[in-house]
Amino acid sequence: MAKLAEVVRNKLEPAIENLGYELIDWEYGKEGGRYILRLYIDQPGGISLDDCERVSEVVGNILDQEDPIPHSYNLEVSSPGLERPLKKEKDFVRLAGRKIKLRLFTPIQGQRQFQGKLLGCREGKIEVELPGGQRMTLELDQIASARLVYEEGEGV
C-alpha cells in the first residue's frame, strides 16, 4: 500500500494535473471479491465521461509501467459527485460560502458532527457558521472528514 500511495502522489497526481484535472481523492480496496483502485477527479465546470476515459488511459499506462499493485485490479475514474469530500486546504478556500458537513476526530462539547456554512479558510483553520448564527473555528487537523452538502441550484 505504501508503494501505491507513493505512485499516486508522485506519478498519478502530477499526470492528472498536467491533463488539466485535479485528483480529489483515491481509494483502494477489495469489493465483491475484486480489487479496485478508484480515482476521483474534478475540474471547473465538472467532469464528463470523456474526461474520465482520458484520465483512465493516461493513469493506466503509468500504472502498467510502475506496477505498484501485485495482483489484478480494476481501475475506476470518476467525478467526486455533488457532495464531494473536502480534503485539502485549497478545497476549503475555494468552496467558502457553501454548506458543509464535518466529522471531527475529537468531540467538542460532546459533539463530533456539525453542519453549517463554510465562511473561509486561512492558515490551516476554517471558520463555519452553524445554524442559529454561532461561529466555530477549527484547525484542519481536527477534521476527520468534510463534505459539501448539496443544495438545489448550486454548482460546484
Protein backbone atom coordinates (compact mmCIF):
# COMPACT_ATOMS: atom_id res chain seq x y z
CA MET A 1 0.00 0.00 0.00
CA ALA A 2 2.92 2.38 0.69
CA LYS A 3 4.24 1.88 -2.83
CA LEU A 4 0.79 2.59 -4.29
CA ALA A 5 0.42 5.76 -2.19
CA GLU A 6 3.85 6.91 -3.40
CA VAL A 7 2.94 6.27 -7.05
CA VAL A 8 -0.37 8.11 -6.64
CA ARG A 9 1.35 11.11 -5.02
CA ASN A 10 4.46 11.30 -7.21
CA LYS A 11 3.27 9.99 -10.60
CA LEU A 12 -0.50 9.93 -10.95
CA GLU A 13 -1.38 13.25 -9.33
CA PRO A 14 1.11 15.26 -11.46
CA ALA A 15 -0.01 13.44 -14.63
CA ILE A 16 -3.66 14.18 -13.84
CA GLU A 17 -2.83 17.85 -13.17
CA ASN A 18 -0.93 18.03 -16.49
CA LEU A 19 -4.17 16.98 -18.20
CA GLY A 20 -5.96 19.91 -16.54
CA TYR A 21 -7.75 17.99 -13.77
CA GLU A 22 -7.41 17.78 -10.01
CA LEU A 23 -7.12 14.50 -8.13
CA ILE A 24 -9.66 14.98 -5.33
CA ASP A 25 -9.31 11.62 -3.61
CA TRP A 26 -8.46 7.99 -4.21
CA GLU A 27 -9.23 4.69 -2.59
CA TYR A 28 -8.03 1.15 -2.99
CA GLY A 29 -9.61 -1.98 -1.63
CA LYS A 30 -11.46 -5.19 -2.24
CA GLU A 31 -15.12 -5.04 -3.24
CA GLY A 32 -17.17 -8.05 -4.23
CA GLY A 33 -14.11 -10.26 -4.49
CA ARG A 34 -12.18 -7.88 -6.79
CA TYR A 35 -9.59 -5.23 -6.02
CA ILE A 36 -10.46 -1.72 -7.18
CA LEU A 37 -8.36 1.42 -7.49
CA ARG A 38 -10.80 4.32 -7.65
CA LEU A 39 -9.69 7.85 -8.51
CA TYR A 40 -11.93 10.89 -8.09
CA ILE A 41 -11.11 13.82 -10.37
CA ASP A 42 -12.58 17.27 -10.84
CA GLN A 43 -12.20 20.49 -12.81
CA PRO A 44 -14.11 23.76 -13.01
CA GLY A 45 -17.32 23.01 -14.87
CA GLY A 46 -17.44 19.37 -13.81
CA ILE A 47 -16.38 16.02 -15.21
CA SER A 48 -17.71 14.17 -18.25
CA LEU A 49 -17.36 10.55 -19.28
CA ASP A 50 -14.77 11.65 -21.88
CA ASP A 51 -12.71 13.26 -19.08
CA CYS A 52 -12.78 10.01 -17.10
CA GLU A 53 -11.72 7.99 -20.13
CA ARG A 54 -8.87 10.40 -20.90
CA VAL A 55 -7.52 10.21 -17.34
CA SER A 56 -8.03 6.45 -17.19
CA GLU A 57 -5.91 5.91 -20.30
CA VAL A 58 -3.01 8.05 -19.05
CA VAL A 59 -3.16 6.67 -15.50
CA GLY A 60 -3.46 3.09 -16.77
CA ASN A 61 -0.24 3.47 -18.76
CA ILE A 62 1.60 4.84 -15.71
CA LEU A 63 0.31 2.03 -13.51
CA ASP A 64 1.40 -0.54 -16.09
CA GLN A 65 4.94 0.93 -16.03
CA GLU A 66 5.20 1.38 -12.25
CA ASP A 67 3.33 -1.85 -11.34
CA PRO A 68 2.56 -0.84 -7.71
CA ILE A 69 -0.22 -3.44 -7.29
CA PRO A 70 0.98 -7.05 -7.29
CA HIS A 71 -2.32 -8.62 -8.40
CA SER A 72 -5.15 -7.92 -10.84
CA TYR A 73 -7.44 -4.99 -10.11
CA ASN A 74 -9.94 -2.69 -11.80
CA LEU A 75 -9.20 0.98 -12.34
CA GLU A 76 -12.15 3.35 -12.00
CA VAL A 77 -12.02 7.10 -12.65
CA SER A 78 -14.99 9.17 -11.60
CA SER A 79 -16.32 12.54 -10.51
CA PRO A 80 -16.43 13.14 -6.74
CA GLY A 81 -20.15 13.90 -7.02
CA LEU A 82 -22.28 16.77 -5.76
CA GLU A 83 -21.45 16.10 -2.11
CA ARG A 84 -17.75 15.87 -2.78
CA PRO A 85 -15.21 15.49 0.00
CA LEU A 86 -13.05 18.43 1.04
CA LYS A 87 -9.53 17.13 1.59
CA LYS A 88 -7.04 19.91 1.00
CA GLU A 89 -6.81 23.44 2.35
CA LYS A 90 -7.42 24.78 -1.15
CA ASP A 91 -10.77 22.92 -1.21
CA PHE A 92 -11.90 24.83 1.88
CA VAL A 93 -10.67 28.13 0.40
CA ARG A 94 -12.35 27.59 -2.98
CA LEU A 95 -15.65 26.40 -1.53
CA ALA A 96 -16.14 29.17 1.03
CA GLY A 97 -19.77 30.22 1.18
CA ARG A 98 -21.06 26.68 0.68
CA LYS A 99 -22.81 24.43 3.19
CA ILE A 100 -20.64 21.63 4.54
CA LYS A 101 -20.90 18.64 6.84
CA LEU A 102 -17.98 17.93 9.21
CA ARG A 103 -16.98 14.99 11.38
CA LEU A 104 -14.27 15.65 13.96
CA PHE A 105 -11.70 13.28 15.41
CA THR A 106 -12.42 14.52 18.94
CA PRO A 107 -15.81 15.78 20.15
CA ILE A 108 -16.36 19.42 21.04
CA GLN A 109 -18.88 19.80 23.86
CA GLY A 110 -19.88 16.17 23.33
CA GLN A 111 -20.50 16.55 19.60
CA ARG A 112 -18.44 15.19 16.70
CA GLN A 113 -20.65 16.08 13.73
CA PHE A 114 -21.51 19.58 12.61
CA GLN A 115 -23.17 21.13 9.60
CA GLY A 116 -23.04 24.77 8.58
CA LYS A 117 -21.85 27.39 6.13
CA LEU A 118 -18.13 27.41 5.41
CA LEU A 119 -17.08 31.03 5.88
CA GLY A 120 -13.46 30.61 4.86
CA CYS A 121 -10.08 29.03 5.45
CA ARG A 122 -6.79 30.66 6.32
CA GLU A 123 -3.52 29.42 7.77
CA GLY A 124 -4.78 25.89 8.42
CA LYS A 125 -8.01 26.97 10.13
CA ILE A 126 -11.59 27.05 8.89
CA GLU A 127 -14.50 29.09 10.14
CA VAL A 128 -18.02 27.68 9.99
CA GLU A 129 -21.31 29.39 10.75
CA LEU A 130 -23.63 26.92 12.47
CA PRO A 131 -27.43 27.06 12.35
CA GLY A 132 -28.51 29.84 14.69
CA GLY A 133 -25.56 32.04 13.73
CA GLN A 134 -22.92 30.63 16.11
CA ARG A 135 -19.44 30.62 14.59
CA MET A 136 -16.85 27.93 15.11
CA THR A 137 -13.15 27.95 14.22
CA LEU A 138 -11.39 24.64 13.70
CA GLU A 139 -7.88 23.53 12.85
CA LEU A 140 -7.82 21.40 9.70
CA ASP A 141 -6.14 18.58 11.63
CA GLN A 142 -9.21 18.36 13.92
CA ILE A 143 -11.36 17.35 10.95
CA ALA A 144 -11.77 13.62 10.28
CA SER A 145 -13.93 14.23 7.21
CA ALA A 146 -15.67 17.09 5.45
CA ARG A 147 -18.17 17.07 2.58
CA LEU A 148 -20.22 19.56 0.67
CA VAL A 149 -23.94 19.46 1.31
CA TYR A 150 -25.80 19.62 -1.97
CA GLU A 151 -28.33 22.42 -2.14
CA GLU A 152 -30.60 22.78 -5.17
CA GLY A 153 -29.38 25.45 -7.60
CA GLU A 154 -25.74 25.48 -6.51
CA GLY A 155 -22.85 24.43 -8.74
CA VAL A 156 -19.52 23.14 -7.57
